[in-house]
Amino acid sequence: MARSADAASMIPATPATGDVSVLLRVACVKSEYLIFTITVLPLIEFA
């Protein structure tokens, strides 16, 4: 628990960094979904 607290304290808890991390998370999920649709849907259609 002490290690996680130290790691969290090193990251500045400002709304800006929080928003950026959320945006990065959303962008990663969208890109993964896009790659999934591009690679899997054609396989399903041709199968």
PDB file of N, CA and C in Angstrom:
ATOM      1  N   MET A   1       0.836  -1.204   0.000  1.00  0.00           N
ATOM      2  CA  MET A   1       0.000   0.000   0.000  1.00  0.00           C
ATOM      3  C   MET A   1       0.868   1.250   0.000  1.00  0.00           C
ATOM      4  N   ALA A   2       1.994   1.213   0.703  1.00  0.00           N
ATOM      5  CA  ALA A   2       2.858   2.394   0.776  1.00  0.00           C
ATOM      6  C   ALA A   2       3.416   2.723  -0.600  1.00  0.00           C
ATOM      7  N   ARG A   3       3.764   1.685  -1.371  1.00  0.00           N
ATOM      8  CA  ARG A   3       4.322   1.937  -2.700  1.00  0.00           C
ATOM      9  C   ARG A   3       3.291   2.618  -3.593  1.00  0.00           C
ATOM     10  N   SER A   4       2.053   2.142  -3.574  1.00  0.00           N
ATOM     11  CA  SER A   4       1.031   2.753  -4.420  1.00  0.00           C
ATOM     12  C   SER A   4       0.773   4.195  -3.996  1.00  0.00           C
ATOM     13  N   ALA A   5       0.814   4.464  -2.695  1.00  0.00           N
ATOM     14  CA  ALA A   5       0.610   5.832  -2.216  1.00  0.00           C
ATOM     15  C   ALA A   5       1.739   6.730  -2.695  1.00  0.00           C
ATOM     16  N   ASP A   6       2.980   6.233  -2.640  1.00  0.00           N
ATOM     17  CA  ASP A   6       4.108   7.028  -3.117  1.00  0.00           C
ATOM     18  C   ASP A   6       3.993   7.296  -4.618  1.00  0.00           C
ATOM     19  N   ALA A   7       3.610   6.288  -5.382  1.00  0.00           N
ATOM     20  CA  ALA A   7       3.483   6.466  -6.823  1.00  0.00           C
ATOM     21  C   ALA A   7       2.374   7.466  -7.138  1.00  0.00           C
ATOM     22  N   ALA A   8       1.269   7.399  -6.388  1.00  0.00           N
ATOM     23  CA  ALA A   8       0.160   8.317  -6.633  1.00  0.00           C
ATOM     24  C   ALA A   8       0.541   9.739  -6.247  1.00  0.00           C
ATOM     25  N   SER A   9       1.333   9.892  -5.194  1.00  0.00           N
ATOM     26  CA  SER A   9       1.707  11.236  -4.753  1.00  0.00           C
ATOM     27  C   SER A   9       2.668  11.884  -5.742  1.00  0.00           C
ATOM     28  N   MET A  10       3.419  11.074  -6.500  1.00  0.00           N
ATOM     29  CA  MET A  10       4.342  11.636  -7.486  1.00  0.00           C
ATOM     30  C   MET A  10       3.593  12.260  -8.657  1.00  0.00           C
ATOM     31  N   ILE A  11       2.385  11.765  -8.958  1.00  0.00           N
ATOM     32  CA  ILE A  11       1.599  12.308 -10.066  1.00  0.00           C
ATOM     33  C   ILE A  11       0.799  13.502  -9.546  1.00  0.00           C
ATOM     34  N   PRO A  12       0.934  14.679 -10.150  1.00  0.00           N
ATOM     35  CA  PRO A  12       0.164  15.839  -9.692  1.00  0.00           C
ATOM     36  C   PRO A  12      -1.332  15.618  -9.898  1.00  0.00           C
ATOM     37  N   ALA A  13      -2.101  15.759  -8.830  1.00  0.00           N
ATOM     38  CA  ALA A  13      -3.538  15.506  -8.905  1.00  0.00           C
ATOM     39  C   ALA A  13      -4.273  16.772  -9.333  1.00  0.00           C
ATOM     40  N   THR A  14      -4.042  17.196 -10.566  1.00  0.00           N
ATOM     41  CA  THR A  14      -4.729  18.370 -11.095  1.00  0.00           C
ATOM     42  C   THR A  14      -5.786  17.922 -12.088  1.00  0.00           C
ATOM     43  N   PRO A  15      -6.851  18.684 -12.255  1.00  0.00           N
ATOM     44  CA  PRO A  15      -7.905  18.295 -13.200  1.00  0.00           C
ATOM     45  C   PRO A  15      -7.368  18.118 -14.619  1.00  0.00           C
ATOM     46  N   ALA A  16      -6.341  18.894 -14.993  1.00  0.00           N
ATOM     47  CA  ALA A  16      -5.810  18.812 -16.357  1.00  0.00           C
ATOM     48  C   ALA A  16      -5.230  17.425 -16.617  1.00  0.00           C
ATOM     49  N   THR A  17      -4.382  16.927 -15.714  1.00  0.00           N
ATOM     50  CA  THR A  17      -3.772  15.618 -15.921  1.00  0.00           C
ATOM     51  C   THR A  17      -4.842  14.534 -15.877  1.00  0.00           C
ATOM     52  N   GLY A  18      -5.852  14.702 -15.041  1.00  0.00           N
ATOM     53  CA  GLY A  18      -6.930  13.725 -14.980  1.00  0.00           C
ATOM     54  C   GLY A  18      -7.683  13.666 -16.297  1.00  0.00           C
ATOM     55  N   ASP A  19      -7.984  14.852 -16.864  1.00  0.00           N
ATOM     56  CA  ASP A  19      -8.697  14.881 -18.138  1.00  0.00           C
ATOM     57  C   ASP A  19      -7.866  14.237 -19.239  1.00  0.00           C
ATOM     58  N   VAL A  20      -6.569  14.512 -19.232  1.00  0.00           N
ATOM     59  CA  VAL A  20      -5.699  13.947 -20.270  1.00  0.00           C
ATOM     60  C   VAL A  20      -5.675  12.430 -20.168  1.00  0.00           C
ATOM     61  N   SER A  21      -5.580  11.902 -18.961  1.00  0.00           N
ATOM     62  CA  SER A  21      -5.538  10.451 -18.801  1.00  0.00           C
ATOM     63  C   SER A  21      -6.854   9.822 -19.255  1.00  0.00           C
ATOM     64  N   VAL A  22      -7.970  10.485 -18.955  1.00  0.00           N
ATOM     65  CA  VAL A  22      -9.272   9.963 -19.393  1.00  0.00           C
ATOM     66  C   VAL A  22      -9.360   9.994 -20.914  1.00  0.00           C
ATOM     67  N   LEU A  23      -8.909  11.098 -21.516  1.00  0.00           N
ATOM     68  CA  LEU A  23      -8.955  11.196 -22.979  1.00  0.00           C
ATOM     69  C   LEU A  23      -8.076  10.129 -23.616  1.00  0.00           C
ATOM     70  N   LEU A  24      -6.899   9.886 -23.035  1.00  0.00           N
ATOM     71  CA  LEU A  24      -6.016   8.853 -23.579  1.00  0.00           C
ATOM     72  C   LEU A  24      -6.670   7.484 -23.465  1.00  0.00           C
ATOM     73  N   ARG A  25      -7.337   7.239 -22.344  1.00  0.00           N
ATOM     74  CA  ARG A  25      -8.000   5.949 -22.155  1.00  0.00           C
ATOM     75  C   ARG A  25      -9.103   5.765 -23.196  1.00  0.00           C
ATOM     76  N   VAL A  26      -9.910   6.819 -23.404  1.00  0.00           N
ATOM     77  CA  VAL A  26     -10.997   6.733 -24.386  1.00  0.00           C
ATOM     78  C   VAL A  26     -10.428   6.530 -25.788  1.00  0.00           C
ATOM     79  N   ALA A  27      -9.341   7.250 -26.107  1.00  0.00           N
ATOM     80  CA  ALA A  27      -8.737   7.113 -27.431  1.00  0.00           C
ATOM     81  C   ALA A  27      -8.210   5.696 -27.640  1.00  0.00           C
ATOM     82  N   CYS A  28      -7.607   5.111 -26.609  1.00  0.00           N
ATOM     83  CA  CYS A  28      -7.091   3.745 -26.722  1.00  0.00           C
ATOM     84  C   CYS A  28      -8.231   2.769 -26.961  1.00  0.00           C
ATOM     85  N   VAL A  29      -9.340   2.942 -26.233  1.00  0.00           N
ATOM     86  CA  VAL A  29     -10.470   2.029 -26.398  1.00  0.00           C
ATOM     87  C   VAL A  29     -11.042   2.159 -27.802  1.00  0.00           C
ATOM     88  N   LYS A  30     -11.168   3.403 -28.293  1.00  0.00           N
ATOM     89  CA  LYS A  30     -11.728   3.596 -29.631  1.00  0.00           C
ATOM     90  C   LYS A  30     -10.821   2.998 -30.692  1.00  0.00           C
ATOM     91  N   SER A  31      -9.505   3.180 -30.549  1.00  0.00           N
ATOM     92  CA  SER A  31      -8.583   2.637 -31.547  1.00  0.00           C
ATOM     93  C   SER A  31      -8.609   1.111 -31.519  1.00  0.00           C
ATOM     94  N   GLU A  32      -8.703   0.522 -30.326  1.00  0.00           N
ATOM     95  CA  GLU A  32      -8.786  -0.934 -30.233  1.00  0.00           C
ATOM     96  C   GLU A  32     -10.071  -1.435 -30.892  1.00  0.00           C
ATOM     97  N   TYR A  33     -11.185  -0.728 -30.677  1.00  0.00           N
ATOM     98  CA  TYR A  33     -12.453  -1.128 -31.290  1.00  0.00           C
ATOM     99  C   TYR A  33     -12.369  -1.006 -32.809  1.00  0.00           C
ATOM    100  N   LEU A  34     -11.709   0.074 -33.292  1.00  0.00           N
ATOM    101  CA  LEU A  34     -11.564   0.264 -34.734  1.00  0.00           C
ATOM    102  C   LEU A  34     -10.737  -0.859 -35.343  1.00  0.00           C
ATOM    103  N   ILE A  35      -9.618  -1.203 -34.703  1.00  0.00           N
ATOM    104  CA  ILE A  35      -8.774  -2.294 -35.201  1.00  0.00           C
ATOM    105  C   ILE A  35      -9.549  -3.609 -35.173  1.00  0.00           C
ATOM    106  N   PHE A  36     -10.337  -3.813 -34.122  1.00  0.00           N
ATOM    107  CA  PHE A  36     -11.133  -5.036 -34.014  1.00  0.00           C
ATOM    108  C   PHE A  36     -12.115  -5.134 -35.172  1.00  0.00           C
ATOM    109  N   THR A  37     -12.813  -4.031 -35.472  1.00  0.00           N
ATOM    110  CA  THR A  37     -13.805  -4.064 -36.546  1.00  0.00           C
ATOM    111  C   THR A  37     -13.132  -4.276 -37.894  1.00  0.00           C
ATOM    112  N   ILE A  38     -11.969  -3.652 -38.106  1.00  0.00           N
ATOM    113  CA  ILE A  38     -11.288  -3.776 -39.401  1.00  0.00           C
ATOM    114  C   ILE A  38     -10.794  -5.203 -39.614  1.00  0.00           C
ATOM    115  N   THR A  39     -10.308  -5.856 -38.558  1.00  0.00           N
ATOM    116  CA  THR A  39      -9.692  -7.173 -38.729  1.00  0.00           C
ATOM    117  C   THR A  39     -10.703  -8.307 -38.611  1.00  0.00           C
ATOM    118  N   VAL A  40     -11.692  -8.188 -37.724  1.00  0.00           N
ATOM    119  CA  VAL A  40     -12.574  -9.321 -37.433  1.00  0.00           C
ATOM    120  C   VAL A  40     -13.798  -9.344 -38.343  1.00  0.00           C
ATOM    121  N   LEU A  41     -14.397  -8.187 -38.618  1.00  0.00           N
ATOM    122  CA  LEU A  41     -15.615  -8.184 -39.426  1.00  0.00           C
ATOM    123  C   LEU A  41     -15.398  -8.755 -40.828  1.00  0.00           C
ATOM    124  N   PRO A  42     -14.326  -8.403 -41.542  1.00  0.00           N
ATOM    125  CA  PRO A  42     -14.104  -9.048 -42.848  1.00  0.00           C
ATOM    126  C   PRO A  42     -13.958 -10.562 -42.730  1.00  0.00           C
ATOM    127  N   LEU A  43     -13.319 -11.044 -41.677  1.00  0.00           N
ATOM    128  CA  LEU A  43     -13.180 -12.488 -41.484  1.00  0.00           C
ATOM    129  C   LEU A  43     -14.549 -13.124 -41.289  1.00  0.00           C
ATOM    130  N   ILE A  44     -15.431 -12.456 -40.548  1.00  0.00           N
ATOM    131  CA  ILE A  44     -16.770 -13.000 -40.309  1.00  0.00           C
ATOM    132  C   ILE A  44     -17.559 -13.014 -41.620  1.00  0.00           C
ATOM    133  N   GLU A  45     -17.404 -11.956 -42.432  1.00  0.00           N
ATOM    134  CA  GLU A  45     -18.161 -11.891 -43.684  1.00  0.00           C
ATOM    135  C   GLU A  45     -17.685 -12.947 -44.676  1.00  0.00           C
ATOM    136  N   PHE A  46     -16.359 -13.173 -44.758  1.00  0.00           N
ATOM    137  CA  PHE A  46     -15.830 -14.128 -45.722  1.00  0.00           C
ATOM    138  C   PHE A  46     -16.002 -15.568 -45.256  1.00  0.00           C
ATOM    139  N   ALA A  47     -16.134 -15.775 -43.965  1.00  0.00           N
ATOM    140  CA  ALA A  47     -16.233 -17.134 -43.444  1.00  0.00           C
ATOM    141  C   ALA A  47     -17.556 -17.778 -43.881  1.00  0.00           C
TER     142      ALA A  47
END
